[in-house]
N, C-alpha and C. Protein backbone atom coordinates (compact mmCIF):
# COMPACT_ATOMS: atom_id res chain seq x y z
N UNK A 1 0.85 -1.19 0.00
CA UNK A 1 0.00 0.00 0.00
C UNK A 1 0.88 1.24 0.00
N UNK A 2 0.64 2.11 -0.95
CA UNK A 2 1.43 3.33 -1.07
C UNK A 2 0.98 4.37 -0.05
N UNK A 3 1.91 5.25 0.31
CA UNK A 3 1.61 6.36 1.21
C UNK A 3 1.49 7.64 0.41
N UNK A 4 0.45 8.41 0.70
CA UNK A 4 0.23 9.69 0.03
C UNK A 4 0.21 10.78 1.08
N UNK A 5 1.15 11.71 0.98
CA UNK A 5 1.22 12.82 1.94
C UNK A 5 0.02 13.74 1.75
N UNK A 6 -0.53 14.21 2.87
CA UNK A 6 -1.69 15.09 2.83
C UNK A 6 -1.57 16.13 3.93
N UNK A 7 -2.39 17.16 3.84
CA UNK A 7 -2.48 18.15 4.91
C UNK A 7 -3.92 18.62 5.00
N UNK A 8 -4.31 19.01 6.21
CA UNK A 8 -5.67 19.52 6.37
C UNK A 8 -5.79 20.84 5.64
N UNK A 9 -6.99 21.10 5.15
CA UNK A 9 -7.22 22.28 4.32
C UNK A 9 -8.31 23.13 4.93
N UNK A 10 -8.06 24.45 4.94
CA UNK A 10 -9.07 25.38 5.42
C UNK A 10 -10.26 25.37 4.48
N UNK A 11 -11.45 25.44 5.03
CA UNK A 11 -12.66 25.42 4.21
C UNK A 11 -13.44 26.71 4.39
N UNK A 12 -14.38 26.92 3.51
CA UNK A 12 -15.28 28.07 3.65
C UNK A 12 -15.03 29.19 2.68
N UNK A 13 -13.86 29.21 2.02
CA UNK A 13 -13.58 30.28 1.06
C UNK A 13 -13.09 29.67 -0.25
N UNK A 14 -13.62 30.17 -1.35
CA UNK A 14 -13.17 29.71 -2.66
C UNK A 14 -11.74 30.13 -2.92
N UNK A 15 -11.35 31.27 -2.33
CA UNK A 15 -9.99 31.76 -2.54
C UNK A 15 -8.95 30.79 -2.06
N UNK A 16 -9.20 30.16 -0.91
CA UNK A 16 -8.24 29.19 -0.37
C UNK A 16 -8.13 27.97 -1.27
N UNK A 17 -9.27 27.55 -1.82
CA UNK A 17 -9.27 26.40 -2.73
C UNK A 17 -8.51 26.72 -4.01
N UNK A 18 -8.77 27.90 -4.57
CA UNK A 18 -8.07 28.31 -5.79
C UNK A 18 -6.56 28.43 -5.54
N UNK A 19 -6.19 28.95 -4.38
CA UNK A 19 -4.77 29.10 -4.06
C UNK A 19 -4.11 27.72 -3.94
N UNK A 20 -4.84 26.78 -3.36
CA UNK A 20 -4.32 25.42 -3.23
C UNK A 20 -4.02 24.83 -4.61
N UNK A 21 -4.92 25.06 -5.56
CA UNK A 21 -4.71 24.54 -6.91
C UNK A 21 -3.55 25.26 -7.59
N UNK A 22 -3.43 26.57 -7.35
CA UNK A 22 -2.31 27.31 -7.94
C UNK A 22 -0.97 26.82 -7.39
N UNK A 23 -0.99 26.31 -6.18
CA UNK A 23 0.23 25.78 -5.56
C UNK A 23 0.54 24.35 -6.02
N UNK A 24 -0.24 23.85 -6.97
CA UNK A 24 0.00 22.51 -7.48
C UNK A 24 -0.62 21.41 -6.65
N UNK A 25 -1.55 21.78 -5.78
CA UNK A 25 -2.21 20.80 -4.91
C UNK A 25 -3.61 20.48 -5.44
N UNK A 26 -4.11 19.34 -5.03
CA UNK A 26 -5.47 18.94 -5.36
C UNK A 26 -6.29 18.91 -4.08
N UNK A 27 -7.33 19.73 -3.98
CA UNK A 27 -8.18 19.68 -2.79
C UNK A 27 -9.01 18.41 -2.78
N UNK A 28 -9.38 17.98 -1.58
CA UNK A 28 -10.18 16.77 -1.48
C UNK A 28 -10.84 16.66 -0.13
N UNK A 29 -11.44 15.50 0.12
CA UNK A 29 -12.11 15.25 1.40
C UNK A 29 -11.92 13.79 1.77
N UNK A 30 -11.78 13.54 3.06
CA UNK A 30 -11.69 12.19 3.62
C UNK A 30 -12.91 12.00 4.52
N UNK A 31 -13.67 10.93 4.28
CA UNK A 31 -14.89 10.74 5.06
C UNK A 31 -15.11 9.25 5.33
N UNK A 32 -16.16 8.94 6.09
CA UNK A 32 -16.50 7.56 6.39
C UNK A 32 -15.85 7.06 7.66
N UNK A 33 -16.07 5.79 7.97
CA UNK A 33 -15.48 5.18 9.15
C UNK A 33 -16.04 5.69 10.45
N UNK A 34 -17.22 6.29 10.42
CA UNK A 34 -17.83 6.79 11.65
C UNK A 34 -17.17 8.04 12.21
N UNK A 35 -16.36 8.72 11.40
CA UNK A 35 -15.69 9.93 11.85
C UNK A 35 -16.13 11.12 11.00
N UNK A 36 -15.85 12.31 11.51
CA UNK A 36 -16.21 13.52 10.79
C UNK A 36 -15.38 13.65 9.51
N UNK A 37 -15.95 14.24 8.47
CA UNK A 37 -15.18 14.48 7.25
C UNK A 37 -14.02 15.44 7.51
N UNK A 38 -12.95 15.24 6.77
CA UNK A 38 -11.77 16.11 6.88
C UNK A 38 -11.45 16.66 5.50
N UNK A 39 -11.41 17.98 5.38
CA UNK A 39 -10.98 18.60 4.13
C UNK A 39 -9.46 18.53 4.06
N UNK A 40 -8.94 18.16 2.90
CA UNK A 40 -7.50 17.95 2.78
C UNK A 40 -6.99 18.46 1.44
N UNK A 41 -5.68 18.43 1.31
CA UNK A 41 -5.02 18.75 0.03
C UNK A 41 -3.85 17.81 -0.14
N UNK A 42 -3.62 17.35 -1.37
CA UNK A 42 -2.49 16.47 -1.68
C UNK A 42 -1.72 17.06 -2.85
N UNK A 43 -0.45 16.70 -2.95
CA UNK A 43 0.37 17.19 -4.06
C UNK A 43 -0.14 16.62 -5.38
N UNK A 44 -0.32 17.50 -6.36
CA UNK A 44 -0.90 17.09 -7.64
C UNK A 44 -0.06 16.06 -8.37
N UNK A 45 1.26 16.24 -8.39
CA UNK A 45 2.11 15.30 -9.12
C UNK A 45 2.12 13.93 -8.45
N UNK A 46 2.17 13.92 -7.11
CA UNK A 46 2.15 12.64 -6.39
C UNK A 46 0.82 11.92 -6.62
N UNK A 47 -0.25 12.70 -6.66
CA UNK A 47 -1.57 12.11 -6.90
C UNK A 47 -1.64 11.50 -8.30
N UNK A 48 -1.14 12.22 -9.29
CA UNK A 48 -1.15 11.71 -10.67
C UNK A 48 -0.34 10.42 -10.78
N UNK A 49 0.80 10.37 -10.10
CA UNK A 49 1.62 9.15 -10.13
C UNK A 49 0.88 7.98 -9.47
N UNK A 50 0.17 8.29 -8.39
CA UNK A 50 -0.60 7.26 -7.70
C UNK A 50 -1.67 6.67 -8.61
N UNK A 51 -2.44 7.53 -9.25
CA UNK A 51 -3.52 7.07 -10.12
C UNK A 51 -2.97 6.30 -11.31
N UNK A 52 -1.84 6.76 -11.85
CA UNK A 52 -1.23 6.08 -12.99
C UNK A 52 -0.79 4.67 -12.60
N UNK A 53 -0.28 4.51 -11.38
CA UNK A 53 0.25 3.22 -10.95
C UNK A 53 -0.83 2.30 -10.38
N UNK A 54 -1.79 2.88 -9.65
CA UNK A 54 -2.75 2.06 -8.90
C UNK A 54 -4.18 2.14 -9.41
N UNK A 55 -4.47 3.08 -10.31
CA UNK A 55 -5.82 3.20 -10.83
C UNK A 55 -6.67 4.20 -10.07
N UNK A 56 -7.88 4.41 -10.57
CA UNK A 56 -8.74 5.47 -10.02
C UNK A 56 -9.44 5.04 -8.74
N UNK A 57 -9.22 3.80 -8.29
CA UNK A 57 -9.78 3.36 -7.01
C UNK A 57 -8.64 2.86 -6.12
N UNK A 58 -7.55 3.59 -6.12
CA UNK A 58 -6.34 3.18 -5.41
C UNK A 58 -6.56 3.10 -3.91
N UNK A 59 -5.84 2.16 -3.28
CA UNK A 59 -5.82 2.04 -1.83
C UNK A 59 -4.53 2.69 -1.34
N UNK A 60 -4.63 3.63 -0.41
CA UNK A 60 -3.46 4.37 0.05
C UNK A 60 -3.50 4.55 1.56
N UNK A 61 -2.36 4.90 2.10
CA UNK A 61 -2.31 5.39 3.48
C UNK A 61 -2.14 6.90 3.40
N UNK A 62 -3.13 7.64 3.86
CA UNK A 62 -3.03 9.09 3.90
C UNK A 62 -2.24 9.48 5.14
N UNK A 63 -1.12 10.15 4.94
CA UNK A 63 -0.25 10.56 6.04
C UNK A 63 -0.27 12.08 6.12
N UNK A 64 -0.86 12.61 7.18
CA UNK A 64 -0.98 14.06 7.35
C UNK A 64 0.28 14.62 8.01
N UNK A 65 0.85 15.60 7.35
CA UNK A 65 2.12 16.16 7.81
C UNK A 65 1.95 17.20 8.91
N UNK A 66 0.71 17.55 9.24
CA UNK A 66 0.48 18.64 10.20
C UNK A 66 0.17 18.15 11.60
N UNK A 67 0.35 16.84 11.85
CA UNK A 67 0.11 16.32 13.18
C UNK A 67 -1.34 16.37 13.61
N UNK A 68 -2.24 16.33 12.66
CA UNK A 68 -3.67 16.44 12.97
C UNK A 68 -4.26 15.13 13.50
N UNK A 69 -3.51 14.04 13.36
CA UNK A 69 -4.02 12.76 13.82
C UNK A 69 -5.04 12.13 12.90
N UNK A 70 -5.09 12.60 11.66
CA UNK A 70 -6.08 12.09 10.71
C UNK A 70 -5.54 10.98 9.81
N UNK A 71 -4.30 10.52 10.08
CA UNK A 71 -3.73 9.45 9.26
C UNK A 71 -4.70 8.26 9.19
N UNK A 72 -4.85 7.71 7.99
CA UNK A 72 -5.80 6.61 7.84
C UNK A 72 -5.59 5.89 6.52
N UNK A 73 -5.77 4.55 6.52
CA UNK A 73 -5.86 3.88 5.21
C UNK A 73 -7.15 4.32 4.54
N UNK A 74 -7.09 4.51 3.26
CA UNK A 74 -8.26 5.04 2.55
C UNK A 74 -8.30 4.53 1.12
N UNK A 75 -9.47 4.59 0.54
CA UNK A 75 -9.65 4.23 -0.86
C UNK A 75 -10.07 5.48 -1.63
N UNK A 76 -9.44 5.69 -2.76
CA UNK A 76 -9.85 6.79 -3.64
C UNK A 76 -11.22 6.44 -4.21
N UNK A 77 -12.21 7.24 -3.87
CA UNK A 77 -13.59 6.92 -4.23
C UNK A 77 -14.04 7.61 -5.51
N UNK A 78 -13.63 8.86 -5.69
CA UNK A 78 -14.09 9.60 -6.87
C UNK A 78 -13.15 10.76 -7.13
N UNK A 79 -13.07 11.15 -8.40
CA UNK A 79 -12.31 12.35 -8.78
C UNK A 79 -13.18 13.22 -9.67
N UNK A 80 -12.99 14.52 -9.54
CA UNK A 80 -13.65 15.47 -10.43
C UNK A 80 -12.59 16.08 -11.33
N UNK A 81 -12.94 16.28 -12.60
CA UNK A 81 -11.98 16.81 -13.57
C UNK A 81 -12.52 18.07 -14.22
N UNK A 82 -11.60 18.91 -14.67
CA UNK A 82 -11.96 20.13 -15.38
C UNK A 82 -12.59 19.75 -16.72
N UNK A 83 -13.65 20.45 -17.10
CA UNK A 83 -14.38 20.10 -18.32
C UNK A 83 -13.53 20.17 -19.57
N UNK A 84 -12.61 21.14 -19.63
CA UNK A 84 -11.81 21.34 -20.84
C UNK A 84 -10.40 20.76 -20.71
N UNK A 85 -9.73 21.11 -19.63
CA UNK A 85 -8.33 20.67 -19.47
C UNK A 85 -8.23 19.23 -18.97
N UNK A 86 -9.29 18.72 -18.37
CA UNK A 86 -9.39 17.35 -17.90
C UNK A 86 -8.44 17.03 -16.73
N UNK A 87 -7.82 18.04 -16.16
CA UNK A 87 -7.00 17.80 -14.98
C UNK A 87 -7.90 17.59 -13.76
N UNK A 88 -7.39 16.88 -12.76
CA UNK A 88 -8.16 16.60 -11.56
C UNK A 88 -8.31 17.87 -10.73
N UNK A 89 -9.54 18.19 -10.34
CA UNK A 89 -9.81 19.39 -9.55
C UNK A 89 -10.24 19.07 -8.13
N UNK A 90 -10.62 17.81 -7.86
CA UNK A 90 -11.04 17.43 -6.51
C UNK A 90 -11.00 15.92 -6.39
N UNK A 91 -10.68 15.43 -5.18
CA UNK A 91 -10.60 13.99 -4.95
C UNK A 91 -11.32 13.62 -3.66
N UNK A 92 -12.08 12.53 -3.72
CA UNK A 92 -12.78 12.02 -2.55
C UNK A 92 -12.11 10.73 -2.09
N UNK A 93 -11.81 10.67 -0.79
CA UNK A 93 -11.25 9.47 -0.18
C UNK A 93 -12.20 8.97 0.89
N UNK A 94 -12.34 7.65 1.02
CA UNK A 94 -13.17 7.08 2.08
C UNK A 94 -12.29 6.20 2.97
N UNK A 95 -12.46 6.35 4.28
CA UNK A 95 -11.69 5.56 5.23
C UNK A 95 -12.07 4.08 5.11
N UNK A 96 -11.08 3.21 5.26
CA UNK A 96 -11.33 1.77 5.19
C UNK A 96 -10.60 1.08 6.33
N UNK A 97 -11.03 -0.15 6.61
CA UNK A 97 -10.35 -1.01 7.57
C UNK A 97 -9.64 -2.10 6.79
N UNK A 98 -8.38 -2.33 7.10
CA UNK A 98 -7.60 -3.30 6.33
C UNK A 98 -8.01 -4.75 6.60
N UNK A 99 -8.76 -5.00 7.67
CA UNK A 99 -9.17 -6.37 7.96
C UNK A 99 -10.64 -6.62 7.65
N UNK A 100 -11.27 -5.71 6.91
CA UNK A 100 -12.65 -5.90 6.49
C UNK A 100 -12.73 -5.84 4.96
N UNK A 101 -13.62 -6.64 4.40
CA UNK A 101 -13.77 -6.65 2.95
C UNK A 101 -14.46 -5.37 2.48
N UNK A 102 -14.05 -4.91 1.30
CA UNK A 102 -14.65 -3.74 0.70
C UNK A 102 -15.16 -4.10 -0.70
N UNK A 103 -16.00 -3.26 -1.22
CA UNK A 103 -16.50 -3.43 -2.59
C UNK A 103 -16.05 -2.24 -3.42
N UNK A 104 -15.49 -2.52 -4.57
CA UNK A 104 -14.99 -1.45 -5.43
C UNK A 104 -14.99 -1.90 -6.89
N UNK A 105 -14.85 -0.94 -7.78
CA UNK A 105 -14.80 -1.23 -9.21
C UNK A 105 -13.34 -1.45 -9.64
N UNK A 106 -13.14 -2.42 -10.51
CA UNK A 106 -11.81 -2.74 -11.03
C UNK A 106 -11.89 -2.79 -12.56
N UNK A 107 -10.97 -2.14 -13.26
CA UNK A 107 -11.01 -2.16 -14.73
C UNK A 107 -10.62 -3.51 -15.30
N UNK A 108 -11.12 -3.78 -16.51
CA UNK A 108 -10.75 -4.99 -17.24
C UNK A 108 -9.75 -4.60 -18.32
N UNK A 109 -8.63 -5.29 -18.37
CA UNK A 109 -7.64 -5.06 -19.42
C UNK A 109 -7.71 -6.23 -20.41
N UNK A 110 -7.91 -5.91 -21.68
CA UNK A 110 -8.05 -6.93 -22.71
C UNK A 110 -6.69 -7.15 -23.39
N UNK A 111 -6.28 -8.41 -23.47
CA UNK A 111 -4.98 -8.73 -24.05
C UNK A 111 -5.16 -9.66 -25.24
N UNK A 112 -4.14 -9.70 -26.09
CA UNK A 112 -4.16 -10.59 -27.24
C UNK A 112 -4.73 -9.92 -28.48
N UNK A 113 -4.39 -10.49 -29.64
CA UNK A 113 -4.92 -10.02 -30.92
C UNK A 113 -6.14 -10.85 -31.28
N UNK A 114 -7.29 -10.24 -31.25
CA UNK A 114 -8.56 -10.95 -31.42
C UNK A 114 -8.67 -11.60 -32.80
N UNK A 115 -8.92 -12.92 -32.80
CA UNK A 115 -9.04 -13.68 -34.06
C UNK A 115 -10.20 -13.17 -34.90
N UNK A 116 -11.31 -12.85 -34.27
CA UNK A 116 -12.47 -12.38 -35.01
C UNK A 116 -12.24 -11.06 -35.71
N UNK A 117 -11.43 -10.21 -35.11
CA UNK A 117 -11.12 -8.91 -35.73
C UNK A 117 -10.24 -9.11 -36.95
N UNK A 118 -9.28 -10.03 -36.87
CA UNK A 118 -8.41 -10.28 -38.03
C UNK A 118 -9.21 -10.86 -39.20
N UNK A 119 -10.37 -11.44 -38.90
CA UNK A 119 -11.23 -11.98 -39.96
C UNK A 119 -12.22 -10.94 -40.49
N UNK A 120 -12.11 -9.72 -40.00
CA UNK A 120 -12.97 -8.66 -40.50
C UNK A 120 -14.11 -8.27 -39.59
N UNK A 121 -14.19 -8.87 -38.40
CA UNK A 121 -15.25 -8.54 -37.46
C UNK A 121 -14.95 -7.28 -36.67
N UNK A 122 -15.98 -6.79 -35.98
CA UNK A 122 -15.85 -5.61 -35.14
C UNK A 122 -15.93 -6.01 -33.67
N UNK A 123 -15.01 -5.50 -32.87
CA UNK A 123 -14.96 -5.81 -31.44
C UNK A 123 -15.85 -4.83 -30.69
N UNK A 124 -16.73 -5.35 -29.85
CA UNK A 124 -17.63 -4.50 -29.07
C UNK A 124 -17.49 -4.82 -27.59
N UNK A 125 -17.25 -3.78 -26.78
CA UNK A 125 -17.10 -3.96 -25.34
C UNK A 125 -18.43 -3.68 -24.64
N UNK A 126 -18.94 -4.66 -23.92
CA UNK A 126 -20.13 -4.43 -23.11
C UNK A 126 -19.77 -3.95 -21.70
N UNK A 127 -18.64 -4.41 -21.19
CA UNK A 127 -18.16 -3.99 -19.87
C UNK A 127 -16.68 -3.64 -19.96
N UNK A 128 -16.31 -2.59 -19.26
CA UNK A 128 -14.88 -2.22 -19.17
C UNK A 128 -14.39 -2.27 -17.73
N UNK A 129 -15.28 -2.52 -16.78
CA UNK A 129 -14.90 -2.69 -15.39
C UNK A 129 -15.97 -3.53 -14.69
N UNK A 130 -15.58 -4.17 -13.61
CA UNK A 130 -16.51 -4.99 -12.83
C UNK A 130 -16.37 -4.62 -11.36
N UNK A 131 -17.40 -4.96 -10.59
CA UNK A 131 -17.36 -4.71 -9.15
C UNK A 131 -16.84 -5.95 -8.44
N UNK A 132 -15.89 -5.76 -7.53
CA UNK A 132 -15.31 -6.88 -6.80
C UNK A 132 -15.45 -6.66 -5.30
N UNK A 133 -15.32 -7.76 -4.58
CA UNK A 133 -15.31 -7.70 -3.11
C UNK A 133 -14.10 -8.46 -2.62
N UNK A 134 -13.33 -7.82 -1.74
CA UNK A 134 -12.13 -8.45 -1.18
C UNK A 134 -11.56 -7.55 -0.10
N UNK A 135 -10.52 -8.02 0.56
CA UNK A 135 -9.80 -7.17 1.50
C UNK A 135 -9.12 -6.04 0.73
N UNK A 136 -8.96 -4.91 1.40
CA UNK A 136 -8.43 -3.72 0.72
C UNK A 136 -7.08 -3.98 0.06
N UNK A 137 -6.22 -4.71 0.75
CA UNK A 137 -4.88 -4.94 0.20
C UNK A 137 -4.87 -5.97 -0.91
N UNK A 138 -6.00 -6.64 -1.14
CA UNK A 138 -6.09 -7.63 -2.21
C UNK A 138 -6.73 -7.08 -3.47
N UNK A 139 -7.14 -5.81 -3.47
CA UNK A 139 -7.79 -5.24 -4.65
C UNK A 139 -6.79 -5.20 -5.81
N UNK A 140 -7.07 -5.88 -6.92
CA UNK A 140 -6.13 -5.85 -8.06
C UNK A 140 -6.22 -4.53 -8.81
N UNK A 141 -5.12 -4.10 -9.39
CA UNK A 141 -5.13 -2.88 -10.19
C UNK A 141 -6.00 -3.06 -11.43
N UNK A 142 -6.06 -4.30 -11.94
CA UNK A 142 -6.89 -4.61 -13.11
C UNK A 142 -7.08 -6.12 -13.17
N UNK A 143 -8.13 -6.53 -13.88
CA UNK A 143 -8.36 -7.93 -14.19
C UNK A 143 -8.12 -8.12 -15.69
N UNK A 144 -7.52 -9.25 -16.06
CA UNK A 144 -7.10 -9.44 -17.45
C UNK A 144 -7.96 -10.50 -18.14
N UNK A 145 -8.29 -10.22 -19.40
CA UNK A 145 -9.07 -11.16 -20.21
C UNK A 145 -8.42 -11.27 -21.58
N UNK A 146 -7.94 -12.48 -21.89
CA UNK A 146 -7.28 -12.74 -23.18
C UNK A 146 -8.35 -12.99 -24.24
N UNK A 147 -8.39 -12.14 -25.28
CA UNK A 147 -9.41 -12.26 -26.32
C UNK A 147 -8.85 -12.82 -27.62
N UNK A 148 -7.68 -13.44 -27.55
CA UNK A 148 -7.03 -13.96 -28.76
C UNK A 148 -7.94 -14.91 -29.53
N UNK A 149 -8.61 -15.83 -28.85
CA UNK A 149 -9.40 -16.87 -29.51
C UNK A 149 -10.86 -16.48 -29.75
N UNK A 150 -11.22 -15.25 -29.48
CA UNK A 150 -12.61 -14.82 -29.65
C UNK A 150 -12.92 -14.64 -31.13
N UNK A 151 -13.90 -15.41 -31.64
CA UNK A 151 -14.23 -15.37 -33.06
C UNK A 151 -15.48 -14.57 -33.36
N UNK A 152 -15.78 -14.41 -34.63
CA UNK A 152 -16.97 -13.68 -35.06
C UNK A 152 -18.22 -14.41 -34.56
N UNK A 153 -19.14 -13.65 -33.99
CA UNK A 153 -20.37 -14.23 -33.46
C UNK A 153 -20.24 -14.78 -32.06
N UNK A 154 -19.07 -14.61 -31.44
CA UNK A 154 -18.84 -15.13 -30.11
C UNK A 154 -18.74 -14.00 -29.08
N UNK A 155 -18.96 -14.38 -27.81
CA UNK A 155 -18.86 -13.43 -26.70
C UNK A 155 -18.12 -14.07 -25.55
N UNK A 156 -17.44 -13.26 -24.77
CA UNK A 156 -16.89 -13.69 -23.49
C UNK A 156 -17.73 -13.06 -22.38
N UNK A 157 -17.89 -13.81 -21.28
CA UNK A 157 -18.76 -13.36 -20.20
C UNK A 157 -17.97 -13.17 -18.91
N UNK A 158 -18.62 -12.57 -17.93
CA UNK A 158 -17.97 -12.27 -16.66
C UNK A 158 -17.37 -13.52 -16.04
N UNK A 159 -18.07 -14.64 -16.16
CA UNK A 159 -17.59 -15.89 -15.56
C UNK A 159 -16.27 -16.36 -16.13
N UNK A 160 -15.86 -15.82 -17.28
CA UNK A 160 -14.61 -16.25 -17.92
C UNK A 160 -13.42 -15.37 -17.53
N UNK A 161 -13.64 -14.40 -16.68
CA UNK A 161 -12.54 -13.55 -16.20
C UNK A 161 -11.85 -14.25 -15.04
N UNK A 162 -10.57 -14.43 -15.13
CA UNK A 162 -9.80 -15.04 -14.05
C UNK A 162 -9.57 -14.01 -12.94
N UNK A 163 -9.74 -14.44 -11.69
CA UNK A 163 -9.55 -13.52 -10.56
C UNK A 163 -8.54 -14.13 -9.58
N UNK A 164 -7.78 -13.28 -8.90
CA UNK A 164 -6.83 -13.78 -7.90
C UNK A 164 -7.57 -14.39 -6.70
N UNK A 165 -6.85 -15.17 -5.92
CA UNK A 165 -7.42 -15.76 -4.71
C UNK A 165 -7.90 -14.65 -3.76
N UNK A 166 -9.05 -14.85 -3.17
CA UNK A 166 -9.58 -13.89 -2.22
C UNK A 166 -10.41 -12.78 -2.83
N UNK A 167 -10.52 -12.78 -4.17
CA UNK A 167 -11.28 -11.74 -4.87
C UNK A 167 -12.53 -12.36 -5.49
N UNK A 168 -13.67 -11.73 -5.26
CA UNK A 168 -14.94 -12.20 -5.82
C UNK A 168 -15.54 -11.12 -6.71
N UNK A 169 -15.94 -11.49 -7.92
CA UNK A 169 -16.64 -10.56 -8.80
C UNK A 169 -18.12 -10.59 -8.46
N UNK A 170 -18.71 -9.42 -8.25
CA UNK A 170 -20.11 -9.33 -7.85
C UNK A 170 -21.07 -9.26 -9.03
N UNK A 171 -20.57 -8.96 -10.21
CA UNK A 171 -21.44 -8.94 -11.39
C UNK A 171 -21.97 -10.34 -11.69
N UNK A 172 -23.12 -10.41 -12.36
CA UNK A 172 -23.67 -11.68 -12.80
C UNK A 172 -22.70 -12.35 -13.77
N UNK A 173 -22.39 -13.62 -13.52
CA UNK A 173 -21.44 -14.34 -14.36
C UNK A 173 -21.87 -14.46 -15.80
N UNK A 174 -23.18 -14.33 -16.06
CA UNK A 174 -23.68 -14.45 -17.43
C UNK A 174 -23.62 -13.14 -18.20
N UNK A 175 -23.25 -12.06 -17.54
CA UNK A 175 -23.19 -10.76 -18.22
C UNK A 175 -22.10 -10.79 -19.29
N UNK A 176 -22.42 -10.36 -20.52
CA UNK A 176 -21.39 -10.31 -21.57
C UNK A 176 -20.38 -9.21 -21.29
N UNK A 177 -19.14 -9.48 -21.62
CA UNK A 177 -18.05 -8.51 -21.42
C UNK A 177 -17.59 -7.94 -22.75
N UNK A 178 -17.37 -8.81 -23.72
CA UNK A 178 -16.86 -8.39 -25.02
C UNK A 178 -17.35 -9.37 -26.08
N UNK A 179 -17.61 -8.88 -27.28
CA UNK A 179 -18.10 -9.75 -28.35
C UNK A 179 -17.57 -9.26 -29.69
N UNK A 180 -17.68 -10.12 -30.70
CA UNK A 180 -17.26 -9.77 -32.06
C UNK A 180 -18.44 -10.02 -33.00
N UNK A 181 -18.73 -9.05 -33.83
CA UNK A 181 -19.80 -9.22 -34.81
C UNK A 181 -19.35 -8.68 -36.16
N UNK A 182 -20.04 -9.11 -37.20
CA UNK A 182 -19.74 -8.62 -38.54
C UNK A 182 -20.23 -7.18 -38.68
N UNK A 183 -19.51 -6.38 -39.45
CA UNK A 183 -19.95 -4.99 -39.67
C UNK A 183 -21.33 -4.97 -40.31
N UNK A 184 -22.15 -4.04 -39.85
CA UNK A 184 -23.48 -3.91 -40.44
C UNK A 184 -23.38 -3.19 -41.79
N UNK A 185 -24.11 -3.71 -42.76
CA UNK A 185 -24.14 -3.10 -44.09
C UNK A 185 -25.41 -2.28 -44.21
N UNK A 186 -25.27 -1.00 -44.53
CA UNK A 186 -26.43 -0.12 -44.64
C UNK A 186 -27.25 -0.47 -45.87
N UNK A 187 -28.52 -0.07 -45.86
CA UNK A 187 -29.41 -0.35 -46.99
C UNK A 187 -28.91 0.30 -48.27
N UNK A 188 -28.30 1.48 -48.14
CA UNK A 188 -27.79 2.17 -49.32
C UNK A 188 -26.63 1.41 -49.93
N UNK A 189 -25.76 0.83 -49.05
CA UNK A 189 -24.64 0.05 -49.56
C UNK A 189 -25.14 -1.22 -50.23
N UNK A 190 -26.18 -1.84 -49.63
CA UNK A 190 -26.75 -3.05 -50.22
C UNK A 190 -27.36 -2.76 -51.59
N UNK A 191 -28.07 -1.62 -51.67
CA UNK A 191 -28.68 -1.22 -52.94
C UNK A 191 -27.62 -0.96 -53.99
N UNK A 192 -26.51 -0.31 -53.57
CA UNK A 192 -25.44 -0.01 -54.50
C UNK A 192 -24.79 -1.29 -55.01
N UNK A 193 -24.60 -2.26 -54.08
CA UNK A 193 -24.00 -3.53 -54.49
C UNK A 193 -24.91 -4.25 -55.49
N UNK A 194 -26.24 -4.21 -55.24
CA UNK A 194 -27.18 -4.85 -56.16
C UNK A 194 -27.16 -4.17 -57.52
N UNK A 195 -27.06 -2.84 -57.47
CA UNK A 195 -27.03 -2.06 -58.71
C UNK A 195 -25.77 -2.38 -59.51
N UNK A 196 -24.63 -2.46 -58.77
CA UNK A 196 -23.37 -2.78 -59.44
C UNK A 196 -23.42 -4.18 -60.04
N UNK A 197 -24.01 -5.11 -59.28
CA UNK A 197 -24.11 -6.49 -59.78
C UNK A 197 -24.98 -6.56 -61.01
N UNK A 198 -26.08 -5.77 -61.01
CA UNK A 198 -26.97 -5.75 -62.17
C UNK A 198 -26.28 -5.18 -63.38
N UNK A 199 -25.51 -4.11 -63.16
CA UNK A 199 -24.79 -3.49 -64.28
C UNK A 199 -23.77 -4.45 -64.85
N UNK A 200 -23.08 -5.19 -63.96
CA UNK A 200 -22.08 -6.14 -64.42
C UNK A 200 -22.73 -7.27 -65.21
N UNK A 201 -23.92 -7.70 -64.75
CA UNK A 201 -24.63 -8.75 -65.48
C UNK A 201 -25.07 -8.27 -66.85
N UNK A 202 -25.48 -6.98 -66.93
CA UNK A 202 -25.88 -6.41 -68.21
C UNK A 202 -24.73 -6.37 -69.19
N UNK A 203 -23.55 -6.04 -68.68
CA UNK A 203 -22.37 -6.00 -69.54
C UNK A 203 -22.06 -7.39 -70.08
N UNK A 204 -22.21 -8.39 -69.22
CA UNK A 204 -21.92 -9.76 -69.63
C UNK A 204 -22.87 -10.22 -70.72
N UNK A 205 -24.17 -9.88 -70.55
CA UNK A 205 -25.16 -10.26 -71.55
C UNK A 205 -24.90 -9.56 -72.88
N UNK A 206 -24.51 -8.28 -72.81
CA UNK A 206 -24.23 -7.52 -74.03
C UNK A 206 -23.07 -8.14 -74.80
N UNK A 207 -22.05 -8.57 -74.06
CA UNK A 207 -20.91 -9.20 -74.71
C UNK A 207 -21.33 -10.51 -75.37
N UNK A 208 -22.23 -11.22 -74.70
CA UNK A 208 -22.68 -12.51 -75.24
C UNK A 208 -23.46 -12.31 -76.53
N UNK A 209 -24.23 -11.21 -76.63
CA UNK A 209 -24.98 -10.91 -77.85
C UNK A 209 -24.02 -10.58 -78.99
C-alpha cells in the first residue's frame, strides 16, 4: 500500500481552494469510518503518479504532515476533472479497515490479438470494469481477459474472467463482457451492391450478344 502525503485544508472560502490549486495541490475530502469528514489537500504530481500506478480506485495510506491525527488507510472513491483541461480538480477518499472486505470497481484489461477482428469482425465492449469484493490490500489494479481466440459471433462473459485468490466478482457471471460481430451493411450500400451487380450482369449479356 502506497503512502500519500496530505495536509488539512481550510474550508469556507473559494480563494483558499483556488490558491491550493495554484500551488500545485489537489483539494479533497476524507470521510467515512464513523468519523467527521476532513478537508485535505495532496500534491498534484504525487496524486497523478498514484492514479497512474494504482488506478482510479487506489488504496493508500493518507499521512498528514500537520500532526492532525487524521492518518488513515483510505480508498480513492471519486475524482472530479476540469471540463476542458481534464486535470483533476477534486478527490474524494473514504476511510477503510484493512481487515474488512470492501467493494470497489476494477477495470478490465483486454490482451491478445482478437481472431475475429483479423477476420474482419468488429470488437464491441459491453463492460470495461466490474465490481469486486475483497480485502483492501487484495484489490487488483486490473483484471485481465485474453481475447485472442474470440471469433466472429462469439462473446466472453464475466464468468470467464480469471480472478486472484480472495477476490470475488459481484457482477452476474452471465453478463457479456466483449463480443465480435460482422460490420453492419447499410441499406444504401446493399442497394449499391445490387445495382453494381446488375450493371455487371448487363455487360456480360451484351458481350454474349
